[in-house]
């Protein structure tokens, strides 16, 4: 039985950490966007300028965890949207590159996700969807974390 039955699973806490980290991305904090951060919604999220939709996949078990622990990587995708604008001095592709860079910069500030993760691994390349409407970029990270053996709530 888990030690704390009212807590959240570690993977959910990691996703919440990603969301709260990205919500700190503002122009006043030195970023290029005031990011609007939302979790993926079953009804769909309404794309708009500066929106980042955070989507988490299923945890992937890792081989050879430390004794008395399970180890996982959880894929977390962040889909960032920019809209065509006559007032912006940057083209869409440049805006998407700035957004991807802002997301990566924010997440690299704490690779351990508030002591919840062993490390945060970044996928090799961002995926740009310039032909889609609306245009967007997908940045994917894979936080690696451990839980006590057969107990997803405790480390």
Foldseek 3Di string as FASTA:
>chain_A
DDPDPPFDFLVVLLLVLLQVLLCPAPVVVPAPHNADEEEADPVGDDDDARYKYKYKDDWDWDPDDPPQKTKTWIKIKIKTFHDDDPPDPDDPVVVQVSSLVSSVVSCVVDQCSVVFFPGKAWDPDKDWDVVDVGTIIMTMIITMGMAGVPHRHHD
